[in-house]
Amino acid sequence: MSSVFYIITSFLIYYLPKQKIELHIIVPPEEKKRLKIIGKPELIAYLLFNFFVIGVTVVTDNFFGIYLRTELGVTTTQFGYIVAIAIAIEAGVMFLLALRKNNSFRVPAFSFFFIGTFLLIRPLVIVLNLSPTLTMILSVFRGIAWGYYIVFNVRFLARVVPLKHLTKALLTGSIATTSSRIITSLIVGESLKHHSYQTVFFFSMFSVVFGMTISIIIAEIDRRKQKKVDMIVPFIGSDKDLN
């Protein structure tokens, strides 16, 4: 069964349509040699999201597998099916997003909300202490979030930073995620020695919600400011032409 899912996902990924990513970015003089984070609210929001949401979720996903086996009695084979289905959903979402040409995620606040909401499913089902069957069914929808994030990760950064700094931006995002994973692994591992899975995952949800909220606020404020600037610029140009 896992092989079937692997073949299906490989087929979808192989036939993904070629993408045209917007690269028309005016590079400020101070950013021609190095990546500038300060002064880029969208990039800051992205890094905060990686730290508080993505990093924490990667760790809790690892402990989620342990929870299924030790607390709910899910077998290794059953867990393999869960992973395979989640990956298939992930590949399907990537394929659907790839069909949308020139989608550069100009409203990152929505993307942060969408990804974060689906990533909250797994910790939520643990907190609610649902039945093993319902827990397994709901947990696979986490693939929607990861499929969306993989596409968003590159396209969003390609719009926010100059092409020559894209690799550095991806590395910076990875550092934010890895730093969070190290800290979260230590905290969750130690906390589970003294508290239940429900309690630990309840507090992990706070981190995800906090990361979502602050990233959405920063990104949306910046988008609205930029929208006002875009509305003013044509009028300034018209005044110069008249003079």
C-alpha atoms as a PDB file:
ATOM      1  CA  MET A   1       0.000   0.000   0.000  1.00  0.00           C
ATOM      2  CA  SER A   2       2.814   2.405   0.899  1.00  0.00           C
ATOM      3  CA  SER A   3       4.435   1.640  -2.463  1.00  0.00           C
ATOM      4  CA  VAL A   4       1.215   2.599  -4.249  1.00  0.00           C
ATOM      5  CA  PHE A   5       1.135   5.966  -2.465  1.00  0.00           C
ATOM      6  CA  TYR A   6       4.816   6.476  -3.266  1.00  0.00           C
ATOM      7  CA  ILE A   7       4.207   5.843  -6.982  1.00  0.00           C
ATOM      8  CA  ILE A   8       1.205   8.185  -7.022  1.00  0.00           C
ATOM      9  CA  THR A   9       3.073  11.034  -5.304  1.00  0.00           C
ATOM     10  CA  SER A  10       6.129  10.543  -7.520  1.00  0.00           C
ATOM     11  CA  PHE A  11       3.889  10.757 -10.586  1.00  0.00           C
ATOM     12  CA  LEU A  12       2.269  13.978  -9.353  1.00  0.00           C
ATOM     13  CA  ILE A  13       5.599  15.621  -8.535  1.00  0.00           C
ATOM     14  CA  TYR A  14       7.171  14.577 -11.863  1.00  0.00           C
ATOM     15  CA  TYR A  15       4.361  16.139 -13.861  1.00  0.00           C
ATOM     16  CA  LEU A  16       4.178  19.385 -11.917  1.00  0.00           C
ATOM     17  CA  PRO A  17       3.786  22.281 -14.378  1.00  0.00           C
ATOM     18  CA  LYS A  18       6.803  24.536 -14.839  1.00  0.00           C
ATOM     19  CA  GLN A  19       6.498  27.675 -12.774  1.00  0.00           C
ATOM     20  CA  LYS A  20       7.085  31.303 -13.633  1.00  0.00           C
ATOM     21  CA  ILE A  21       8.118  33.086 -10.454  1.00  0.00           C
ATOM     22  CA  GLU A  22       8.102  36.865 -10.335  1.00  0.00           C
ATOM     23  CA  LEU A  23      11.641  38.186 -10.106  1.00  0.00           C
ATOM     24  CA  HIS A  24      11.081  41.844 -10.935  1.00  0.00           C
ATOM     25  CA  ILE A  25      12.584  43.228  -7.743  1.00  0.00           C
ATOM     26  CA  ILE A  26      14.311  46.563  -7.409  1.00  0.00           C
ATOM     27  CA  VAL A  27      17.477  45.881  -5.425  1.00  0.00           C
ATOM     28  CA  PRO A  28      18.535  48.701  -3.063  1.00  0.00           C
ATOM     29  CA  PRO A  29      22.276  49.566  -3.169  1.00  0.00           C
ATOM     30  CA  GLU A  30      22.828  48.344   0.400  1.00  0.00           C
ATOM     31  CA  GLU A  31      21.322  44.948  -0.483  1.00  0.00           C
ATOM     32  CA  LYS A  32      23.355  44.161  -3.578  1.00  0.00           C
ATOM     33  CA  LYS A  33      26.027  42.315  -1.596  1.00  0.00           C
ATOM     34  CA  ARG A  34      24.160  40.962   1.437  1.00  0.00           C
ATOM     35  CA  LEU A  35      20.673  39.965   2.496  1.00  0.00           C
ATOM     36  CA  LYS A  36      18.961  42.685   4.498  1.00  0.00           C
ATOM     37  CA  ILE A  37      16.391  41.490   7.055  1.00  0.00           C
ATOM     38  CA  ILE A  38      15.830  44.715   8.990  1.00  0.00           C
ATOM     39  CA  GLY A  39      13.414  46.873   7.063  1.00  0.00           C
ATOM     40  CA  LYS A  40      11.634  43.879   5.520  1.00  0.00           C
ATOM     41  CA  PRO A  41       8.554  43.263   7.711  1.00  0.00           C
ATOM     42  CA  GLU A  42       7.313  40.413   5.501  1.00  0.00           C
ATOM     43  CA  LEU A  43      10.623  38.588   5.876  1.00  0.00           C
ATOM     44  CA  ILE A  44      10.597  39.147   9.641  1.00  0.00           C
ATOM     45  CA  ALA A  45       7.040  37.764   9.808  1.00  0.00           C
ATOM     46  CA  TYR A  46       8.194  34.728   7.818  1.00  0.00           C
ATOM     47  CA  LEU A  47      11.118  34.054  10.178  1.00  0.00           C
ATOM     48  CA  LEU A  48       8.900  34.399  13.257  1.00  0.00           C
ATOM     49  CA  PHE A  49       6.409  32.002  11.685  1.00  0.00           C
ATOM     50  CA  ASN A  50       9.190  29.490  11.035  1.00  0.00           C
ATOM     51  CA  PHE A  51      10.376  29.745  14.630  1.00  0.00           C
ATOM     52  CA  PHE A  52       7.096  29.643  16.556  1.00  0.00           C
ATOM     53  CA  VAL A  53       4.959  27.560  14.185  1.00  0.00           C
ATOM     54  CA  ILE A  54       7.023  25.404  11.816  1.00  0.00           C
ATOM     55  CA  GLY A  55       9.807  24.504  14.243  1.00  0.00           C
ATOM     56  CA  VAL A  56       7.414  23.656  17.080  1.00  0.00           C
ATOM     57  CA  THR A  57       5.162  21.622  14.775  1.00  0.00           C
ATOM     58  CA  VAL A  58       8.046  19.531  13.404  1.00  0.00           C
ATOM     59  CA  VAL A  59       8.921  18.482  16.959  1.00  0.00           C
ATOM     60  CA  THR A  60       5.344  17.824  18.081  1.00  0.00           C
ATOM     61  CA  ASP A  61       4.814  15.763  14.907  1.00  0.00           C
ATOM     62  CA  ASN A  62       7.662  13.499  16.037  1.00  0.00           C
ATOM     63  CA  PHE A  63       6.117  13.068  19.483  1.00  0.00           C
ATOM     64  CA  PHE A  64       2.712  12.555  17.867  1.00  0.00           C
ATOM     65  CA  GLY A  65       3.927   9.250  16.445  1.00  0.00           C
ATOM     66  CA  ILE A  66       5.106   8.162  19.893  1.00  0.00           C
ATOM     67  CA  TYR A  67       1.722   9.171  21.360  1.00  0.00           C
ATOM     68  CA  LEU A  68      -0.150   7.042  18.826  1.00  0.00           C
ATOM     69  CA  ARG A  69       1.920   3.942  19.576  1.00  0.00           C
ATOM     70  CA  THR A  70       2.232   4.224  23.359  1.00  0.00           C
ATOM     71  CA  GLU A  71      -1.065   5.848  24.363  1.00  0.00           C
ATOM     72  CA  LEU A  72      -3.517   4.681  21.674  1.00  0.00           C
ATOM     73  CA  GLY A  73      -1.946   1.360  20.727  1.00  0.00           C
ATOM     74  CA  VAL A  74      -1.606   2.194  17.029  1.00  0.00           C
ATOM     75  CA  THR A  75       0.570  -0.383  15.266  1.00  0.00           C
ATOM     76  CA  THR A  76       3.618   0.435  13.172  1.00  0.00           C
ATOM     77  CA  THR A  77       1.741  -0.636  10.029  1.00  0.00           C
ATOM     78  CA  GLN A  78      -1.200   1.642  10.826  1.00  0.00           C
ATOM     79  CA  PHE A  79       1.153   4.534  11.487  1.00  0.00           C
ATOM     80  CA  GLY A  80       2.825   3.848   8.138  1.00  0.00           C
ATOM     81  CA  TYR A  81      -0.543   4.246   6.422  1.00  0.00           C
ATOM     82  CA  ILE A  82      -1.106   7.565   8.214  1.00  0.00           C
ATOM     83  CA  VAL A  83       2.257   8.891   7.034  1.00  0.00           C
ATOM     84  CA  ALA A  84       1.704   7.636   3.475  1.00  0.00           C
ATOM     85  CA  ILE A  85      -1.755   9.222   3.185  1.00  0.00           C
ATOM     86  CA  ALA A  86      -0.500  12.508   4.668  1.00  0.00           C
ATOM     87  CA  ILE A  87       2.341  12.590   2.124  1.00  0.00           C
ATOM     88  CA  ALA A  88      -0.095  11.824  -0.709  1.00  0.00           C
ATOM     89  CA  ILE A  89      -2.294  14.739   0.393  1.00  0.00           C
ATOM     90  CA  GLU A  90       0.814  16.921   0.632  1.00  0.00           C
ATOM     91  CA  ALA A  91       1.823  16.064  -2.936  1.00  0.00           C
ATOM     92  CA  GLY A  92      -1.733  16.651  -4.147  1.00  0.00           C
ATOM     93  CA  VAL A  93      -1.820  20.139  -2.630  1.00  0.00           C
ATOM     94  CA  MET A  94       1.566  20.953  -4.184  1.00  0.00           C
ATOM     95  CA  PHE A  95       0.260  19.804  -7.562  1.00  0.00           C
ATOM     96  CA  LEU A  96      -2.894  21.940  -7.310  1.00  0.00           C
ATOM     97  CA  LEU A  97      -0.923  25.023  -6.256  1.00  0.00           C
ATOM     98  CA  ALA A  98       1.507  24.472  -9.107  1.00  0.00           C
ATOM     99  CA  LEU A  99      -1.396  24.708 -11.546  1.00  0.00           C
ATOM    100  CA  ARG A 100      -1.921  28.303 -10.439  1.00  0.00           C
ATOM    101  CA  LYS A 101       0.575  30.273 -12.507  1.00  0.00           C
ATOM    102  CA  ASN A 102       2.377  33.319 -11.090  1.00  0.00           C
ATOM    103  CA  ASN A 103       0.996  32.753  -7.612  1.00  0.00           C
ATOM    104  CA  SER A 104       3.503  34.709  -5.516  1.00  0.00           C
ATOM    105  CA  PHE A 105       1.395  34.815  -2.323  1.00  0.00           C
ATOM    106  CA  ARG A 106       0.891  38.567  -2.165  1.00  0.00           C
ATOM    107  CA  VAL A 107      -1.281  38.207   0.959  1.00  0.00           C
ATOM    108  CA  PRO A 108       1.066  36.296   3.294  1.00  0.00           C
ATOM    109  CA  ALA A 109      -1.263  36.880   6.260  1.00  0.00           C
ATOM    110  CA  PHE A 110      -3.752  34.468   4.682  1.00  0.00           C
ATOM    111  CA  SER A 111      -0.998  31.908   4.061  1.00  0.00           C
ATOM    112  CA  PHE A 112       0.167  32.097   7.676  1.00  0.00           C
ATOM    113  CA  PHE A 113      -3.417  31.618   8.867  1.00  0.00           C
ATOM    114  CA  PHE A 114      -4.113  28.755   6.455  1.00  0.00           C
ATOM    115  CA  ILE A 115      -0.931  26.817   7.246  1.00  0.00           C
ATOM    116  CA  GLY A 116      -1.150  27.386  11.001  1.00  0.00           C
ATOM    117  CA  THR A 117      -4.793  26.327  11.199  1.00  0.00           C
ATOM    118  CA  PHE A 118      -4.164  22.936   9.594  1.00  0.00           C
ATOM    119  CA  LEU A 119      -1.017  22.404  11.668  1.00  0.00           C
ATOM    120  CA  LEU A 120      -3.140  22.824  14.807  1.00  0.00           C
ATOM    121  CA  ILE A 121      -5.165  19.706  13.985  1.00  0.00           C
ATOM    122  CA  ARG A 122      -2.754  17.139  15.442  1.00  0.00           C
ATOM    123  CA  PRO A 123      -2.153  18.818  18.813  1.00  0.00           C
ATOM    124  CA  LEU A 124      -5.872  19.578  19.043  1.00  0.00           C
ATOM    125  CA  VAL A 125      -6.943  15.941  18.601  1.00  0.00           C
ATOM    126  CA  ILE A 126      -4.525  14.977  21.383  1.00  0.00           C
ATOM    127  CA  VAL A 127      -5.827  17.686  23.722  1.00  0.00           C
ATOM    128  CA  LEU A 128      -9.414  16.562  23.046  1.00  0.00           C
ATOM    129  CA  ASN A 129      -8.350  12.942  23.674  1.00  0.00           C
ATOM    130  CA  LEU A 130     -10.320  11.609  20.712  1.00  0.00           C
ATOM    131  CA  SER A 131     -10.702   7.946  19.778  1.00  0.00           C
ATOM    132  CA  PRO A 132      -7.823   6.237  17.926  1.00  0.00           C
ATOM    133  CA  THR A 133      -9.828   6.010  14.685  1.00  0.00           C
ATOM    134  CA  LEU A 134     -10.857   9.674  14.682  1.00  0.00           C
ATOM    135  CA  THR A 135      -7.346  10.737  15.680  1.00  0.00           C
ATOM    136  CA  MET A 136      -5.802   8.869  12.754  1.00  0.00           C
ATOM    137  CA  ILE A 137      -8.353  10.193  10.242  1.00  0.00           C
ATOM    138  CA  LEU A 138      -7.987  13.840  11.277  1.00  0.00           C
ATOM    139  CA  SER A 139      -4.196  13.730  11.594  1.00  0.00           C
ATOM    140  CA  VAL A 140      -3.619  13.085   7.876  1.00  0.00           C
ATOM    141  CA  PHE A 141      -4.992  16.529   6.989  1.00  0.00           C
ATOM    142  CA  ARG A 142      -1.754  17.967   8.296  1.00  0.00           C
ATOM    143  CA  GLY A 143      -0.515  17.146   4.770  1.00  0.00           C
ATOM    144  CA  ILE A 144      -2.560  20.084   3.456  1.00  0.00           C
ATOM    145  CA  ALA A 145      -0.500  22.503   5.539  1.00  0.00           C
ATOM    146  CA  TRP A 146       2.879  21.041   4.597  1.00  0.00           C
ATOM    147  CA  GLY A 147       2.065  20.854   0.892  1.00  0.00           C
ATOM    148  CA  TYR A 148       0.985  24.487   0.936  1.00  0.00           C
ATOM    149  CA  TYR A 149       4.036  25.552   2.975  1.00  0.00           C
ATOM    150  CA  ILE A 150       6.549  23.891   0.627  1.00  0.00           C
ATOM    151  CA  VAL A 151       5.241  25.869  -2.347  1.00  0.00           C
ATOM    152  CA  PHE A 152       4.735  29.049  -0.323  1.00  0.00           C
ATOM    153  CA  ASN A 153       8.260  28.869   1.099  1.00  0.00           C
ATOM    154  CA  VAL A 154      10.009  29.371  -2.258  1.00  0.00           C
ATOM    155  CA  ARG A 155       7.509  31.517  -4.125  1.00  0.00           C
ATOM    156  CA  PHE A 156       7.041  33.938  -1.249  1.00  0.00           C
ATOM    157  CA  LEU A 157      10.778  34.440  -0.735  1.00  0.00           C
ATOM    158  CA  ALA A 158      11.330  34.818  -4.490  1.00  0.00           C
ATOM    159  CA  ARG A 159       9.000  37.809  -4.334  1.00  0.00           C
ATOM    160  CA  VAL A 160      10.369  39.334  -1.126  1.00  0.00           C
ATOM    161  CA  VAL A 161      14.135  39.063  -1.689  1.00  0.00           C
ATOM    162  CA  PRO A 162      16.366  39.493  -4.780  1.00  0.00           C
ATOM    163  CA  LEU A 163      17.062  36.265  -6.673  1.00  0.00           C
ATOM    164  CA  LYS A 164      20.769  36.343  -5.768  1.00  0.00           C
ATOM    165  CA  HIS A 165      19.813  36.217  -2.066  1.00  0.00           C
ATOM    166  CA  LEU A 166      17.136  33.513  -2.372  1.00  0.00           C
ATOM    167  CA  THR A 167      19.433  30.741  -1.135  1.00  0.00           C
ATOM    168  CA  LYS A 168      20.518  32.882   1.833  1.00  0.00           C
ATOM    169  CA  ALA A 169      16.872  33.629   2.657  1.00  0.00           C
ATOM    170  CA  LEU A 170      15.984  29.926   2.568  1.00  0.00           C
ATOM    171  CA  LEU A 171      18.993  29.172   4.783  1.00  0.00           C
ATOM    172  CA  THR A 172      17.967  31.906   7.238  1.00  0.00           C
ATOM    173  CA  GLY A 173      14.465  30.436   7.414  1.00  0.00           C
ATOM    174  CA  SER A 174      15.957  26.994   7.978  1.00  0.00           C
ATOM    175  CA  ILE A 175      18.125  28.351  10.823  1.00  0.00           C
ATOM    176  CA  ALA A 176      15.023  29.838  12.485  1.00  0.00           C
ATOM    177  CA  THR A 177      13.236  26.489  12.198  1.00  0.00           C
ATOM    178  CA  THR A 178      16.218  24.459  13.419  1.00  0.00           C
ATOM    179  CA  SER A 179      16.778  26.757  16.418  1.00  0.00           C
ATOM    180  CA  SER A 180      13.146  26.300  17.386  1.00  0.00           C
ATOM    181  CA  ARG A 181      13.377  22.523  16.962  1.00  0.00           C
ATOM    182  CA  ILE A 182      16.366  22.316  19.313  1.00  0.00           C
ATOM    183  CA  ILE A 183      14.661  24.388  22.009  1.00  0.00           C
ATOM    184  CA  THR A 184      11.267  22.703  21.599  1.00  0.00           C
ATOM    185  CA  SER A 185      12.750  19.185  21.666  1.00  0.00           C
ATOM    186  CA  LEU A 186      14.391  19.889  25.015  1.00  0.00           C
ATOM    187  CA  ILE A 187      11.262  21.473  26.487  1.00  0.00           C
ATOM    188  CA  VAL A 188       8.782  18.862  25.243  1.00  0.00           C
ATOM    189  CA  GLY A 189      11.023  15.921  26.119  1.00  0.00           C
ATOM    190  CA  GLU A 190      11.516  17.174  29.675  1.00  0.00           C
ATOM    191  CA  SER A 191       7.874  18.216  30.095  1.00  0.00           C
ATOM    192  CA  LEU A 192       6.547  14.773  29.147  1.00  0.00           C
ATOM    193  CA  LYS A 193       8.440  13.324  32.121  1.00  0.00           C
ATOM    194  CA  HIS A 194       6.180  15.265  34.471  1.00  0.00           C
ATOM    195  CA  HIS A 195       3.012  16.048  32.510  1.00  0.00           C
ATOM    196  CA  SER A 196       0.536  14.286  30.221  1.00  0.00           C
ATOM    197  CA  TYR A 197       0.537  14.524  26.433  1.00  0.00           C
ATOM    198  CA  GLN A 198      -2.684  16.548  26.643  1.00  0.00           C
ATOM    199  CA  THR A 199      -1.052  19.196  28.830  1.00  0.00           C
ATOM    200  CA  VAL A 200       2.162  19.436  26.800  1.00  0.00           C
ATOM    201  CA  PHE A 201       0.371  19.638  23.447  1.00  0.00           C
ATOM    202  CA  PHE A 202      -2.055  22.195  24.853  1.00  0.00           C
ATOM    203  CA  PHE A 203       0.852  24.543  25.541  1.00  0.00           C
ATOM    204  CA  SER A 204       2.410  23.780  22.150  1.00  0.00           C
ATOM    205  CA  MET A 205      -0.817  25.084  20.621  1.00  0.00           C
ATOM    206  CA  PHE A 206      -0.211  28.413  22.371  1.00  0.00           C
ATOM    207  CA  SER A 207       3.133  28.738  20.596  1.00  0.00           C
ATOM    208  CA  VAL A 208       1.544  28.015  17.209  1.00  0.00           C
ATOM    209  CA  VAL A 209      -1.321  30.457  17.787  1.00  0.00           C
ATOM    210  CA  PHE A 210       1.112  33.117  19.037  1.00  0.00           C
ATOM    211  CA  GLY A 211       3.374  32.654  16.005  1.00  0.00           C
ATOM    212  CA  MET A 212       0.404  32.778  13.641  1.00  0.00           C
ATOM    213  CA  THR A 213      -0.992  35.918  15.256  1.00  0.00           C
ATOM    214  CA  ILE A 214       2.205  37.975  15.368  1.00  0.00           C
ATOM    215  CA  SER A 215       3.187  36.946  11.814  1.00  0.00           C
ATOM    216  CA  ILE A 216      -0.270  37.801  10.468  1.00  0.00           C
ATOM    217  CA  ILE A 217      -0.279  41.201  12.185  1.00  0.00           C
ATOM    218  CA  ILE A 218       3.199  42.179  10.922  1.00  0.00           C
ATOM    219  CA  ALA A 219       2.538  40.954   7.374  1.00  0.00           C
ATOM    220  CA  GLU A 220      -0.888  42.584   7.120  1.00  0.00           C
ATOM    221  CA  ILE A 221       0.297  45.955   8.464  1.00  0.00           C
ATOM    222  CA  ASP A 222       3.131  45.957   5.922  1.00  0.00           C
ATOM    223  CA  ARG A 223       0.789  44.938   3.081  1.00  0.00           C
ATOM    224  CA  ARG A 224      -1.616  47.768   3.857  1.00  0.00           C
ATOM    225  CA  LYS A 225       1.225  50.287   4.046  1.00  0.00           C
ATOM    226  CA  GLN A 226       2.544  49.090   0.699  1.00  0.00           C
ATOM    227  CA  LYS A 227      -0.940  49.290  -0.775  1.00  0.00           C
ATOM    228  CA  LYS A 228      -1.203  52.936   0.282  1.00  0.00           C
ATOM    229  CA  VAL A 229       2.198  53.667  -1.259  1.00  0.00           C
ATOM    230  CA  ASP A 230       1.150  52.014  -4.519  1.00  0.00           C
ATOM    231  CA  MET A 231      -1.957  54.206  -4.578  1.00  0.00           C
ATOM    232  CA  ILE A 232       0.017  57.417  -3.945  1.00  0.00           C
ATOM    233  CA  VAL A 233       2.846  56.833  -6.456  1.00  0.00           C
ATOM    234  CA  PRO A 234       0.688  57.252  -9.617  1.00  0.00           C
ATOM    235  CA  PHE A 235      -0.569  60.620  -8.349  1.00  0.00           C
ATOM    236  CA  ILE A 236       2.989  61.812  -7.687  1.00  0.00           C
ATOM    237  CA  GLY A 237       3.957  60.772 -11.210  1.00  0.00           C
ATOM    238  CA  SER A 238       0.991  62.658 -12.663  1.00  0.00           C
ATOM    239  CA  ASP A 239       1.968  65.845 -10.813  1.00  0.00           C
ATOM    240  CA  LYS A 240       5.502  65.657 -12.242  1.00  0.00           C
ATOM    241  CA  ASP A 241       4.158  65.227 -15.757  1.00  0.00           C
ATOM    242  CA  LEU A 242       1.972  68.318 -15.379  1.00  0.00           C
ATOM    243  CA  ASN A 243       4.916  70.379 -14.187  1.00  0.00           C
END
